[in-house]
Amino acid sequence: MKNSGGFITVDYLFAFFLVSGFSLAIMTFSATLSMVEVVQYMTFASARNYFAGNLTEPKQREAAATKFFELKADPVIAPLLNGGWFDVPDDSYIVDFNIPEKYPNFKNYSGNPDINLFHGVIVTFNAKILDFQIPFFGSTKSGNLDSEDSAKGFTTYITSFLGREPSFRECNEFFNEKRWEYIKQLPTSKVGAVGYGAAEGDSDYIVINDNGC
């Protein structure tokens, strides 16, 4: 026990693995958070296309999907998503439509015209790069290390909800078909006043379109 030769080697190796483990963890987290920002922008750009008015609501969804897959196939982004470290499955991409059916966690979300409802885009982001094991630190996996779910790494939802402008068809139907019906249902503000509902037929109502909706 009097011979202490070699202790410095053991200390060096321990410190080397310790620093290497911390460095690997930091670089992995940095790469993951950077990729999260990239996917967040993809959902934002897609939701922005869905927000903008179009001929019909399906056309708005189509424009959003086109933008998302265009960005996903970008020569800069595609290698990052196809390299095995990160994954955004195509079938996980949803534009406002049937979100509760695809994602049970969003069961309270319903595609109705509620004024407090935000419309947007949601995708599933898999960070397989976070699935690793470091000497002295252990594995980032939990549960059965050989299971299929364990090999997927860490998964989260990335969303962007900006809202949706009415489509041209919705505007046209509202101004030309339904607006007069709603006006006739307005209550009178004074006792004895004649409401719009007293109008006979639709000849007294003339549609003047504007660029508002």
N, C-alpha and C. Protein backbone atom coordinates (compact mmCIF):
# COMPACT_ATOMS: atom_id res chain seq x y z
N MET A 1 0.82 -1.21 0.00
CA MET A 1 0.00 0.00 0.00
C MET A 1 0.86 1.26 0.00
N LYS A 2 2.17 1.07 0.25
CA LYS A 2 3.03 2.24 0.29
C LYS A 2 3.35 2.75 -1.11
N ASN A 3 3.17 1.89 -2.11
CA ASN A 3 3.48 2.28 -3.49
C ASN A 3 2.24 2.93 -4.12
N SER A 4 2.32 4.22 -4.42
CA SER A 4 1.18 4.97 -4.98
C SER A 4 1.33 5.17 -6.48
N GLY A 5 2.24 4.47 -7.09
CA GLY A 5 2.43 4.60 -8.53
C GLY A 5 1.20 4.15 -9.30
N GLY A 6 0.84 4.91 -10.32
CA GLY A 6 -0.31 4.57 -11.15
C GLY A 6 -1.60 5.23 -10.75
N PHE A 7 -1.63 5.84 -9.55
CA PHE A 7 -2.87 6.51 -9.12
C PHE A 7 -3.21 7.68 -10.02
N ILE A 8 -2.18 8.39 -10.48
CA ILE A 8 -2.43 9.54 -11.34
C ILE A 8 -3.07 9.10 -12.66
N THR A 9 -2.70 7.89 -13.11
CA THR A 9 -3.30 7.36 -14.34
C THR A 9 -4.78 7.07 -14.15
N VAL A 10 -5.11 6.47 -13.00
CA VAL A 10 -6.51 6.19 -12.69
C VAL A 10 -7.30 7.48 -12.58
N ASP A 11 -6.73 8.48 -11.90
CA ASP A 11 -7.41 9.78 -11.77
C ASP A 11 -7.61 10.43 -13.13
N TYR A 12 -6.62 10.31 -13.97
CA TYR A 12 -6.72 10.92 -15.30
C TYR A 12 -7.82 10.25 -16.11
N LEU A 13 -7.83 8.91 -16.09
CA LEU A 13 -8.86 8.19 -16.85
C LEU A 13 -10.26 8.51 -16.34
N PHE A 14 -10.41 8.58 -15.02
CA PHE A 14 -11.72 8.91 -14.45
C PHE A 14 -12.15 10.32 -14.87
N ALA A 15 -11.22 11.27 -14.77
CA ALA A 15 -11.54 12.65 -15.16
C ALA A 15 -11.83 12.74 -16.66
N PHE A 16 -11.10 11.95 -17.45
CA PHE A 16 -11.30 11.97 -18.90
C PHE A 16 -12.71 11.49 -19.26
N PHE A 17 -13.12 10.37 -18.67
CA PHE A 17 -14.46 9.86 -18.94
C PHE A 17 -15.53 10.80 -18.41
N LEU A 18 -15.26 11.41 -17.26
CA LEU A 18 -16.23 12.34 -16.66
C LEU A 18 -16.45 13.55 -17.57
N VAL A 19 -15.35 14.17 -17.99
CA VAL A 19 -15.45 15.35 -18.86
C VAL A 19 -16.02 14.97 -20.22
N SER A 20 -15.61 13.82 -20.75
CA SER A 20 -16.14 13.38 -22.05
C SER A 20 -17.64 13.13 -21.97
N GLY A 21 -18.08 12.55 -20.86
CA GLY A 21 -19.51 12.30 -20.69
C GLY A 21 -20.31 13.59 -20.64
N PHE A 22 -19.83 14.56 -19.86
CA PHE A 22 -20.50 15.86 -19.79
C PHE A 22 -20.51 16.54 -21.16
N SER A 23 -19.37 16.48 -21.86
CA SER A 23 -19.28 17.13 -23.17
C SER A 23 -20.24 16.50 -24.16
N LEU A 24 -20.32 15.16 -24.15
CA LEU A 24 -21.24 14.47 -25.06
C LEU A 24 -22.69 14.84 -24.75
N ALA A 25 -23.03 14.89 -23.47
CA ALA A 25 -24.39 15.24 -23.08
C ALA A 25 -24.74 16.66 -23.51
N ILE A 26 -23.81 17.60 -23.30
CA ILE A 26 -24.06 18.99 -23.66
C ILE A 26 -24.21 19.15 -25.17
N MET A 27 -23.31 18.52 -25.93
CA MET A 27 -23.39 18.62 -27.39
C MET A 27 -24.67 17.97 -27.92
N THR A 28 -25.07 16.87 -27.30
CA THR A 28 -26.30 16.19 -27.73
C THR A 28 -27.52 17.05 -27.46
N PHE A 29 -27.59 17.64 -26.27
CA PHE A 29 -28.71 18.52 -25.95
C PHE A 29 -28.72 19.75 -26.86
N SER A 30 -27.55 20.30 -27.14
CA SER A 30 -27.47 21.47 -28.01
C SER A 30 -27.97 21.15 -29.42
N ALA A 31 -27.55 19.99 -29.94
CA ALA A 31 -27.99 19.59 -31.28
C ALA A 31 -29.50 19.36 -31.31
N THR A 32 -30.02 18.75 -30.24
CA THR A 32 -31.46 18.47 -30.18
C THR A 32 -32.27 19.76 -30.12
N LEU A 33 -31.86 20.68 -29.25
CA LEU A 33 -32.59 21.95 -29.13
C LEU A 33 -32.51 22.76 -30.41
N SER A 34 -31.37 22.69 -31.10
CA SER A 34 -31.25 23.40 -32.38
C SER A 34 -32.21 22.81 -33.40
N MET A 35 -32.32 21.48 -33.42
CA MET A 35 -33.22 20.84 -34.37
C MET A 35 -34.68 21.10 -34.01
N VAL A 36 -34.97 21.21 -32.73
CA VAL A 36 -36.33 21.56 -32.31
C VAL A 36 -36.72 22.92 -32.88
N GLU A 37 -35.78 23.87 -32.87
CA GLU A 37 -36.07 25.19 -33.43
C GLU A 37 -36.33 25.11 -34.93
N VAL A 38 -35.59 24.24 -35.62
CA VAL A 38 -35.79 24.08 -37.06
C VAL A 38 -37.19 23.52 -37.34
N VAL A 39 -37.58 22.48 -36.61
CA VAL A 39 -38.90 21.88 -36.81
C VAL A 39 -40.00 22.85 -36.38
N GLN A 40 -39.72 23.65 -35.34
CA GLN A 40 -40.69 24.65 -34.91
C GLN A 40 -40.94 25.66 -36.02
N TYR A 41 -39.88 26.06 -36.71
CA TYR A 41 -40.06 26.98 -37.83
C TYR A 41 -40.86 26.32 -38.96
N MET A 42 -40.62 25.03 -39.19
CA MET A 42 -41.36 24.32 -40.23
C MET A 42 -42.86 24.33 -39.92
N THR A 43 -43.21 24.08 -38.67
CA THR A 43 -44.63 24.11 -38.30
C THR A 43 -45.19 25.53 -38.37
N PHE A 44 -44.36 26.52 -38.00
CA PHE A 44 -44.81 27.91 -38.07
C PHE A 44 -45.08 28.34 -39.51
N ALA A 45 -44.14 28.01 -40.41
CA ALA A 45 -44.32 28.38 -41.81
C ALA A 45 -45.54 27.68 -42.40
N SER A 46 -45.76 26.44 -42.00
CA SER A 46 -46.94 25.71 -42.48
C SER A 46 -48.22 26.32 -41.93
N ALA A 47 -48.22 26.64 -40.63
CA ALA A 47 -49.40 27.25 -40.02
C ALA A 47 -49.68 28.63 -40.60
N ARG A 48 -48.63 29.33 -41.00
CA ARG A 48 -48.80 30.65 -41.62
C ARG A 48 -49.50 30.52 -42.96
N ASN A 49 -49.17 29.48 -43.73
CA ASN A 49 -49.88 29.24 -44.99
C ASN A 49 -51.33 28.85 -44.75
N TYR A 50 -51.57 28.14 -43.66
CA TYR A 50 -52.95 27.78 -43.32
C TYR A 50 -53.73 29.00 -42.85
N PHE A 51 -53.04 29.92 -42.21
CA PHE A 51 -53.69 31.14 -41.70
C PHE A 51 -54.19 32.02 -42.85
N ALA A 52 -53.41 32.12 -43.92
CA ALA A 52 -53.75 33.01 -45.02
C ALA A 52 -55.01 32.54 -45.73
N GLY A 53 -55.82 33.50 -46.17
CA GLY A 53 -57.04 33.17 -46.88
C GLY A 53 -56.77 32.48 -48.21
N ASN A 54 -57.72 31.67 -48.65
CA ASN A 54 -57.59 30.96 -49.92
C ASN A 54 -59.00 30.74 -50.47
N LEU A 55 -59.09 30.02 -51.57
CA LEU A 55 -60.41 29.81 -52.18
C LEU A 55 -61.35 29.06 -51.24
N THR A 56 -60.86 27.95 -50.67
CA THR A 56 -61.64 27.15 -49.73
C THR A 56 -60.75 26.72 -48.57
N GLU A 57 -61.37 26.20 -47.52
CA GLU A 57 -60.59 25.72 -46.37
C GLU A 57 -59.69 24.54 -46.74
N PRO A 58 -60.15 23.57 -47.55
CA PRO A 58 -59.23 22.51 -47.99
C PRO A 58 -58.02 23.04 -48.75
N LYS A 59 -58.22 24.14 -49.51
CA LYS A 59 -57.09 24.74 -50.21
C LYS A 59 -56.09 25.34 -49.21
N GLN A 60 -56.58 25.86 -48.11
CA GLN A 60 -55.69 26.38 -47.07
C GLN A 60 -54.87 25.25 -46.46
N ARG A 61 -55.53 24.11 -46.21
CA ARG A 61 -54.81 22.95 -45.67
C ARG A 61 -53.79 22.43 -46.67
N GLU A 62 -54.17 22.43 -47.93
CA GLU A 62 -53.25 21.96 -48.97
C GLU A 62 -52.01 22.86 -49.06
N ALA A 63 -52.22 24.17 -48.96
CA ALA A 63 -51.09 25.10 -49.00
C ALA A 63 -50.17 24.90 -47.81
N ALA A 64 -50.76 24.62 -46.64
CA ALA A 64 -49.95 24.39 -45.45
C ALA A 64 -49.13 23.12 -45.58
N ALA A 65 -49.76 22.04 -46.05
CA ALA A 65 -49.05 20.77 -46.21
C ALA A 65 -47.94 20.89 -47.25
N THR A 66 -48.22 21.60 -48.33
CA THR A 66 -47.21 21.78 -49.37
C THR A 66 -45.98 22.48 -48.82
N LYS A 67 -46.20 23.50 -48.01
CA LYS A 67 -45.08 24.24 -47.43
C LYS A 67 -44.29 23.36 -46.47
N PHE A 68 -44.97 22.58 -45.65
CA PHE A 68 -44.28 21.75 -44.67
C PHE A 68 -43.38 20.72 -45.35
N PHE A 69 -43.92 19.99 -46.30
CA PHE A 69 -43.14 18.95 -46.97
C PHE A 69 -42.08 19.54 -47.89
N GLU A 70 -42.32 20.76 -48.36
CA GLU A 70 -41.28 21.45 -49.13
C GLU A 70 -40.07 21.75 -48.25
N LEU A 71 -40.33 22.22 -47.03
CA LEU A 71 -39.24 22.49 -46.10
C LEU A 71 -38.57 21.20 -45.63
N LYS A 72 -39.37 20.17 -45.42
CA LYS A 72 -38.80 18.90 -44.97
C LYS A 72 -37.87 18.30 -46.02
N ALA A 73 -38.15 18.55 -47.29
CA ALA A 73 -37.32 18.03 -48.38
C ALA A 73 -36.19 18.98 -48.76
N ASP A 74 -36.06 20.08 -48.05
CA ASP A 74 -34.99 21.04 -48.34
C ASP A 74 -33.63 20.36 -48.24
N PRO A 75 -32.70 20.64 -49.16
CA PRO A 75 -31.40 19.97 -49.14
C PRO A 75 -30.58 20.22 -47.89
N VAL A 76 -30.90 21.25 -47.14
CA VAL A 76 -30.19 21.50 -45.88
C VAL A 76 -30.85 20.75 -44.72
N ILE A 77 -32.17 20.71 -44.70
CA ILE A 77 -32.90 20.11 -43.58
C ILE A 77 -33.04 18.60 -43.74
N ALA A 78 -33.25 18.12 -44.96
CA ALA A 78 -33.50 16.69 -45.20
C ALA A 78 -32.41 15.78 -44.63
N PRO A 79 -31.11 16.08 -44.83
CA PRO A 79 -30.09 15.20 -44.24
C PRO A 79 -30.15 15.12 -42.73
N LEU A 80 -30.58 16.19 -42.07
CA LEU A 80 -30.67 16.19 -40.61
C LEU A 80 -31.80 15.27 -40.13
N LEU A 81 -32.88 15.21 -40.91
CA LEU A 81 -34.02 14.38 -40.52
C LEU A 81 -33.89 12.93 -41.00
N ASN A 82 -33.01 12.71 -41.96
CA ASN A 82 -32.85 11.36 -42.51
C ASN A 82 -31.56 10.69 -42.05
N GLY A 83 -30.82 11.35 -41.17
CA GLY A 83 -29.54 10.80 -40.74
C GLY A 83 -29.62 9.81 -39.61
N GLY A 84 -30.82 9.60 -39.06
CA GLY A 84 -30.98 8.63 -37.98
C GLY A 84 -30.99 9.24 -36.59
N TRP A 85 -30.60 10.49 -36.47
CA TRP A 85 -30.60 11.14 -35.15
C TRP A 85 -31.96 11.73 -34.80
N PHE A 86 -32.63 12.27 -35.81
CA PHE A 86 -33.93 12.93 -35.60
C PHE A 86 -34.93 12.38 -36.62
N ASP A 87 -36.20 12.46 -36.27
CA ASP A 87 -37.23 11.94 -37.15
C ASP A 87 -38.53 12.71 -36.95
N VAL A 88 -39.15 13.09 -38.07
CA VAL A 88 -40.48 13.70 -38.07
C VAL A 88 -41.33 12.88 -39.04
N PRO A 89 -42.06 11.87 -38.54
CA PRO A 89 -42.83 10.99 -39.43
C PRO A 89 -43.86 11.76 -40.26
N ASP A 90 -43.97 11.38 -41.52
CA ASP A 90 -44.94 12.05 -42.40
C ASP A 90 -46.36 11.88 -41.90
N ASP A 91 -46.68 10.70 -41.36
CA ASP A 91 -48.05 10.45 -40.93
C ASP A 91 -48.39 11.14 -39.61
N SER A 92 -47.40 11.79 -38.98
CA SER A 92 -47.68 12.51 -37.74
C SER A 92 -48.11 13.94 -38.00
N TYR A 93 -47.97 14.39 -39.26
CA TYR A 93 -48.26 15.78 -39.60
C TYR A 93 -49.77 15.98 -39.75
N ILE A 94 -50.31 16.89 -38.98
CA ILE A 94 -51.75 17.17 -39.03
C ILE A 94 -51.96 18.68 -39.11
N VAL A 95 -52.81 19.12 -40.06
CA VAL A 95 -53.19 20.52 -40.16
C VAL A 95 -54.61 20.67 -39.67
N ASP A 96 -54.77 20.98 -38.40
CA ASP A 96 -56.06 21.36 -37.84
C ASP A 96 -57.14 20.28 -37.95
N PHE A 97 -57.03 19.43 -38.93
CA PHE A 97 -58.10 18.49 -39.25
C PHE A 97 -57.90 17.16 -38.52
N ASN A 98 -58.91 16.76 -37.74
CA ASN A 98 -58.87 15.48 -37.02
C ASN A 98 -57.72 15.38 -36.02
N ILE A 99 -57.34 16.48 -35.42
CA ILE A 99 -56.25 16.45 -34.44
C ILE A 99 -56.59 15.55 -33.26
N PRO A 100 -57.79 15.61 -32.68
CA PRO A 100 -58.08 14.71 -31.54
C PRO A 100 -58.02 13.23 -31.90
N GLU A 101 -58.35 12.89 -33.15
CA GLU A 101 -58.31 11.48 -33.55
C GLU A 101 -56.88 10.97 -33.65
N LYS A 102 -55.98 11.84 -34.11
CA LYS A 102 -54.59 11.43 -34.27
C LYS A 102 -53.82 11.54 -32.96
N TYR A 103 -54.14 12.54 -32.16
CA TYR A 103 -53.44 12.78 -30.91
C TYR A 103 -54.44 12.81 -29.76
N PRO A 104 -54.59 11.71 -29.05
CA PRO A 104 -55.56 11.65 -27.94
C PRO A 104 -55.31 12.70 -26.86
N ASN A 105 -54.05 13.15 -26.71
CA ASN A 105 -53.76 14.17 -25.69
C ASN A 105 -54.45 15.49 -26.00
N PHE A 106 -54.88 15.67 -27.25
CA PHE A 106 -55.57 16.89 -27.65
C PHE A 106 -57.07 16.62 -27.81
N LYS A 107 -57.62 15.79 -26.94
CA LYS A 107 -59.02 15.39 -27.07
C LYS A 107 -59.97 16.56 -26.86
N ASN A 108 -59.53 17.61 -26.15
CA ASN A 108 -60.39 18.76 -25.92
C ASN A 108 -60.40 19.72 -27.11
N TYR A 109 -59.54 19.46 -28.08
CA TYR A 109 -59.48 20.31 -29.26
C TYR A 109 -60.50 19.82 -30.27
N SER A 110 -61.32 20.71 -30.77
CA SER A 110 -62.31 20.33 -31.77
C SER A 110 -62.34 21.38 -32.86
N GLY A 111 -62.46 20.93 -34.09
CA GLY A 111 -62.44 21.85 -35.22
C GLY A 111 -63.75 22.57 -35.42
N ASN A 112 -64.14 23.39 -34.46
CA ASN A 112 -65.38 24.15 -34.59
C ASN A 112 -65.05 25.63 -34.70
N PRO A 113 -65.99 26.45 -35.12
CA PRO A 113 -65.71 27.87 -35.34
C PRO A 113 -65.73 28.70 -34.06
N ASP A 114 -65.36 28.14 -32.94
CA ASP A 114 -65.31 28.88 -31.69
C ASP A 114 -64.32 30.03 -31.83
N ILE A 115 -64.71 31.23 -31.37
CA ILE A 115 -63.83 32.39 -31.53
C ILE A 115 -62.58 32.27 -30.68
N ASN A 116 -62.61 31.42 -29.67
CA ASN A 116 -61.45 31.25 -28.81
C ASN A 116 -60.56 30.09 -29.25
N LEU A 117 -60.90 29.47 -30.36
CA LEU A 117 -60.15 28.31 -30.82
C LEU A 117 -59.03 28.74 -31.77
N PHE A 118 -57.83 28.26 -31.50
CA PHE A 118 -56.71 28.53 -32.39
C PHE A 118 -56.55 27.36 -33.35
N HIS A 119 -56.29 27.69 -34.60
CA HIS A 119 -56.09 26.68 -35.63
C HIS A 119 -54.61 26.62 -35.99
N GLY A 120 -54.12 25.44 -36.31
CA GLY A 120 -52.71 25.36 -36.66
C GLY A 120 -52.25 23.99 -37.06
N VAL A 121 -50.97 23.72 -36.76
CA VAL A 121 -50.27 22.53 -37.23
C VAL A 121 -49.61 21.82 -36.05
N ILE A 122 -49.57 20.50 -36.12
CA ILE A 122 -48.91 19.72 -35.08
C ILE A 122 -48.16 18.56 -35.73
N VAL A 123 -46.96 18.26 -35.22
CA VAL A 123 -46.17 17.12 -35.69
C VAL A 123 -45.55 16.42 -34.48
N THR A 124 -45.10 15.20 -34.70
CA THR A 124 -44.37 14.44 -33.69
C THR A 124 -42.88 14.51 -34.01
N PHE A 125 -42.09 14.86 -33.01
CA PHE A 125 -40.64 14.99 -33.18
C PHE A 125 -39.95 13.93 -32.34
N ASN A 126 -39.17 13.07 -32.99
CA ASN A 126 -38.41 12.02 -32.31
C ASN A 126 -36.93 12.39 -32.29
N ALA A 127 -36.36 12.45 -31.10
CA ALA A 127 -34.93 12.74 -30.94
C ALA A 127 -34.21 11.46 -30.54
N LYS A 128 -33.83 10.67 -31.55
CA LYS A 128 -33.14 9.41 -31.28
C LYS A 128 -31.73 9.65 -30.77
N ILE A 129 -31.19 10.83 -31.03
CA ILE A 129 -29.83 11.15 -30.60
C ILE A 129 -29.71 11.16 -29.08
N LEU A 130 -30.84 11.38 -28.40
CA LEU A 130 -30.81 11.41 -26.94
C LEU A 130 -30.82 10.02 -26.33
N ASP A 131 -30.86 9.01 -27.16
CA ASP A 131 -30.83 7.63 -26.69
C ASP A 131 -29.37 7.15 -26.72
N PHE A 132 -28.66 7.30 -25.61
CA PHE A 132 -27.24 6.92 -25.58
C PHE A 132 -26.86 6.45 -24.18
N GLN A 133 -25.67 5.90 -24.08
CA GLN A 133 -25.14 5.40 -22.81
C GLN A 133 -23.71 5.87 -22.64
N ILE A 134 -23.40 6.39 -21.46
CA ILE A 134 -22.07 6.92 -21.16
C ILE A 134 -21.49 6.16 -19.98
N PRO A 135 -20.22 5.74 -20.07
CA PRO A 135 -19.59 5.07 -18.93
C PRO A 135 -19.63 5.94 -17.67
N PHE A 136 -19.91 5.34 -16.55
CA PHE A 136 -20.03 5.98 -15.24
C PHE A 136 -21.33 6.77 -15.08
N PHE A 137 -22.00 7.09 -16.18
CA PHE A 137 -23.25 7.85 -16.11
C PHE A 137 -24.45 6.93 -16.29
N GLY A 138 -24.29 5.92 -17.13
CA GLY A 138 -25.40 5.03 -17.41
C GLY A 138 -26.13 5.38 -18.69
N SER A 139 -27.32 4.81 -18.85
CA SER A 139 -28.10 4.99 -20.06
C SER A 139 -29.22 5.99 -19.85
N THR A 140 -29.59 6.66 -20.92
CA THR A 140 -30.72 7.60 -20.86
C THR A 140 -32.05 6.88 -21.01
N LYS A 141 -32.02 5.60 -21.33
CA LYS A 141 -33.24 4.83 -21.49
C LYS A 141 -33.85 4.52 -20.13
N SER A 142 -35.12 4.22 -20.15
CA SER A 142 -35.82 3.79 -18.94
C SER A 142 -36.68 2.58 -19.28
N GLY A 143 -36.98 1.77 -18.29
CA GLY A 143 -37.80 0.59 -18.53
C GLY A 143 -37.00 -0.50 -19.21
N ASN A 144 -37.66 -1.23 -20.10
CA ASN A 144 -37.03 -2.32 -20.83
C ASN A 144 -36.11 -1.74 -21.91
N LEU A 145 -34.81 -1.91 -21.74
CA LEU A 145 -33.84 -1.31 -22.65
C LEU A 145 -33.86 -1.95 -24.03
N ASP A 146 -34.45 -3.13 -24.15
CA ASP A 146 -34.47 -3.83 -25.43
C ASP A 146 -35.81 -3.68 -26.16
N SER A 147 -36.73 -2.91 -25.59
CA SER A 147 -38.05 -2.77 -26.20
C SER A 147 -37.98 -1.87 -27.42
N GLU A 148 -39.02 -1.98 -28.26
CA GLU A 148 -39.08 -1.16 -29.48
C GLU A 148 -39.26 0.31 -29.16
N ASP A 149 -40.07 0.61 -28.12
CA ASP A 149 -40.29 2.00 -27.74
C ASP A 149 -39.02 2.64 -27.22
N SER A 150 -38.18 1.84 -26.56
CA SER A 150 -36.95 2.38 -26.01
C SER A 150 -36.00 2.83 -27.11
N ALA A 151 -36.07 2.18 -28.27
CA ALA A 151 -35.18 2.52 -29.38
C ALA A 151 -35.59 3.79 -30.10
N LYS A 152 -36.76 4.33 -29.80
CA LYS A 152 -37.24 5.53 -30.48
C LYS A 152 -36.65 6.80 -29.90
N GLY A 153 -35.97 6.71 -28.76
CA GLY A 153 -35.45 7.91 -28.14
C GLY A 153 -36.54 8.68 -27.44
N PHE A 154 -36.41 10.00 -27.45
CA PHE A 154 -37.37 10.87 -26.78
C PHE A 154 -38.31 11.49 -27.81
N THR A 155 -39.58 11.52 -27.48
CA THR A 155 -40.61 12.00 -28.41
C THR A 155 -41.40 13.13 -27.78
N THR A 156 -41.73 14.13 -28.58
CA THR A 156 -42.55 15.24 -28.11
C THR A 156 -43.38 15.77 -29.27
N TYR A 157 -44.34 16.62 -28.94
CA TYR A 157 -45.15 17.29 -29.95
C TYR A 157 -44.59 18.69 -30.19
N ILE A 158 -44.56 19.09 -31.43
CA ILE A 158 -44.18 20.46 -31.79
C ILE A 158 -45.36 21.06 -32.55
N THR A 159 -45.85 22.18 -32.08
CA THR A 159 -47.07 22.75 -32.65
C THR A 159 -46.89 24.23 -32.97
N SER A 160 -47.78 24.73 -33.77
CA SER A 160 -47.85 26.16 -34.07
C SER A 160 -49.29 26.49 -34.41
N PHE A 161 -49.93 27.28 -33.56
CA PHE A 161 -51.33 27.65 -33.75
C PHE A 161 -51.42 29.16 -33.96
N LEU A 162 -51.74 29.57 -35.17
CA LEU A 162 -51.81 30.99 -35.51
C LEU A 162 -53.23 31.46 -35.78
N GLY A 163 -54.15 30.52 -36.00
CA GLY A 163 -55.51 30.91 -36.38
C GLY A 163 -55.73 30.64 -37.86
N ARG A 164 -56.87 31.09 -38.37
CA ARG A 164 -57.18 30.90 -39.79
C ARG A 164 -58.10 31.99 -40.28
N GLU A 165 -57.71 32.63 -41.38
CA GLU A 165 -58.57 33.61 -42.02
C GLU A 165 -59.70 32.89 -42.77
N PRO A 166 -60.89 33.48 -42.83
CA PRO A 166 -61.97 32.85 -43.60
C PRO A 166 -61.57 32.72 -45.07
N SER A 167 -62.01 31.67 -45.68
CA SER A 167 -61.73 31.47 -47.10
C SER A 167 -62.65 32.35 -47.95
N PHE A 168 -62.35 32.45 -49.24
CA PHE A 168 -63.18 33.24 -50.14
C PHE A 168 -64.61 32.71 -50.17
N ARG A 169 -64.74 31.39 -50.20
CA ARG A 169 -66.08 30.79 -50.25
C ARG A 169 -66.86 31.11 -48.98
N GLU A 170 -66.19 31.04 -47.83
CA GLU A 170 -66.87 31.36 -46.57
C GLU A 170 -67.30 32.82 -46.53
N CYS A 171 -66.43 33.71 -47.02
CA CYS A 171 -66.78 35.13 -47.07
C CYS A 171 -67.96 35.37 -48.00
N ASN A 172 -67.91 34.75 -49.15
CA ASN A 172 -68.95 34.94 -50.14
C ASN A 172 -70.29 34.43 -49.63
N GLU A 173 -70.27 33.26 -48.98
CA GLU A 173 -71.51 32.71 -48.45
C GLU A 173 -72.06 33.59 -47.34
N PHE A 174 -71.15 34.14 -46.52
CA PHE A 174 -71.62 34.97 -45.41
C PHE A 174 -72.24 36.27 -45.91
N PHE A 175 -71.54 36.97 -46.83
CA PHE A 175 -72.02 38.27 -47.28
C PHE A 175 -73.23 38.15 -48.20
N ASN A 176 -73.21 37.17 -49.08
CA ASN A 176 -74.25 37.11 -50.11
C ASN A 176 -75.44 36.23 -49.75
N GLU A 177 -75.25 35.32 -48.80
CA GLU A 177 -76.32 34.36 -48.53
C GLU A 177 -76.86 34.45 -47.10
N LYS A 178 -76.01 34.64 -46.13
CA LYS A 178 -76.44 34.53 -44.74
C LYS A 178 -76.52 35.88 -44.01
N ARG A 179 -75.82 36.87 -44.50
CA ARG A 179 -75.74 38.13 -43.75
C ARG A 179 -77.11 38.78 -43.58
N TRP A 180 -77.89 38.79 -44.64
CA TRP A 180 -79.21 39.40 -44.56
C TRP A 180 -80.10 38.65 -43.58
N GLU A 181 -79.96 37.33 -43.53
CA GLU A 181 -80.74 36.55 -42.57
C GLU A 181 -80.35 36.90 -41.14
N TYR A 182 -79.06 37.11 -40.91
CA TYR A 182 -78.61 37.49 -39.57
C TYR A 182 -79.07 38.90 -39.21
N ILE A 183 -79.05 39.81 -40.20
CA ILE A 183 -79.48 41.18 -39.94
C ILE A 183 -80.95 41.22 -39.55
N LYS A 184 -81.77 40.43 -40.21
CA LYS A 184 -83.20 40.42 -39.90
C LYS A 184 -83.49 39.88 -38.50
N GLN A 185 -82.54 39.16 -37.93
CA GLN A 185 -82.72 38.60 -36.60
C GLN A 185 -82.24 39.55 -35.50
N LEU A 186 -81.65 40.69 -35.88
CA LEU A 186 -81.17 41.63 -34.88
C LEU A 186 -82.34 42.23 -34.10
N PRO A 187 -82.20 42.35 -32.78
CA PRO A 187 -83.29 42.95 -31.99
C PRO A 187 -83.32 44.46 -32.17
N THR A 188 -84.48 45.06 -31.98
CA THR A 188 -84.60 46.51 -32.06
C THR A 188 -84.10 47.14 -30.77
N SER A 189 -83.52 48.33 -30.89
CA SER A 189 -82.95 48.99 -29.71
C SER A 189 -83.95 49.89 -28.99
N LYS A 190 -85.07 50.22 -29.63
CA LYS A 190 -86.06 51.11 -29.03
C LYS A 190 -87.44 50.46 -29.06
N VAL A 191 -88.21 50.78 -28.05
CA VAL A 191 -89.57 50.26 -27.97
C VAL A 191 -90.41 50.86 -29.10
N GLY A 192 -91.12 50.03 -29.81
CA GLY A 192 -91.97 50.50 -30.88
C GLY A 192 -91.28 50.62 -32.21
N ALA A 193 -89.97 50.47 -32.21
CA ALA A 193 -89.24 50.58 -33.48
C ALA A 193 -89.48 49.33 -34.32
N VAL A 194 -89.38 49.51 -35.60
CA VAL A 194 -89.57 48.40 -36.53
C VAL A 194 -88.22 47.75 -36.82
N GLY A 195 -88.12 46.46 -36.60
CA GLY A 195 -86.86 45.76 -36.85
C GLY A 195 -86.68 45.39 -38.30
N TYR A 196 -85.49 44.94 -38.62
CA TYR A 196 -85.20 44.54 -39.99
C TYR A 196 -86.04 43.33 -40.41
N GLY A 197 -86.48 42.57 -39.43
CA GLY A 197 -87.26 41.39 -39.75
C GLY A 197 -88.59 41.71 -40.39
N ALA A 198 -89.01 42.97 -40.31
CA ALA A 198 -90.30 43.35 -40.90
C ALA A 198 -90.22 43.49 -42.41
N ALA A 199 -89.01 43.46 -42.95
CA ALA A 199 -88.86 43.60 -44.41
C ALA A 199 -89.52 42.43 -45.11
N GLU A 200 -90.20 42.72 -46.18
CA GLU A 200 -90.88 41.68 -46.95
C GLU A 200 -89.97 41.21 -48.09
N GLY A 201 -89.61 39.95 -48.03
CA GLY A 201 -88.76 39.40 -49.08
C GLY A 201 -87.32 39.90 -48.97
N ASP A 202 -86.57 39.63 -50.00
CA ASP A 202 -85.17 40.03 -50.01
C ASP A 202 -84.89 41.16 -50.98
N SER A 203 -85.93 41.73 -51.56
CA SER A 203 -85.72 42.78 -52.56
C SER A 203 -85.24 44.07 -51.92
N ASP A 204 -85.49 44.24 -50.60
CA ASP A 204 -85.07 45.47 -49.93
C ASP A 204 -83.59 45.44 -49.55
N TYR A 205 -82.94 44.30 -49.75
CA TYR A 205 -81.54 44.16 -49.35
C TYR A 205 -80.67 44.06 -50.59
N ILE A 206 -79.71 44.97 -50.71
CA ILE A 206 -78.80 44.99 -51.86
C ILE A 206 -77.39 44.69 -51.36
N VAL A 207 -76.77 43.70 -51.94
CA VAL A 207 -75.42 43.30 -51.53
C VAL A 207 -74.39 44.22 -52.18
N ILE A 208 -73.52 44.80 -51.34
CA ILE A 208 -72.39 45.59 -51.82
C ILE A 208 -71.13 44.97 -51.24
N ASN A 209 -70.39 44.26 -52.05
CA ASN A 209 -69.19 43.58 -51.57
C ASN A 209 -68.07 44.57 -51.29
N ASP A 210 -67.27 44.27 -50.29
CA ASP A 210 -66.06 45.04 -50.04
C ASP A 210 -64.91 44.04 -49.87
N ASN A 211 -63.75 44.54 -49.52
CA ASN A 211 -62.60 43.64 -49.38
C ASN A 211 -62.44 43.15 -47.95
N GLY A 212 -63.41 43.40 -47.12
CA GLY A 212 -63.36 42.88 -45.76
C GLY A 212 -64.11 41.57 -45.66
N CYS A 213 -64.01 40.95 -44.51
CA CYS A 213 -64.70 39.68 -44.33
C CYS A 213 -65.13 39.56 -42.88
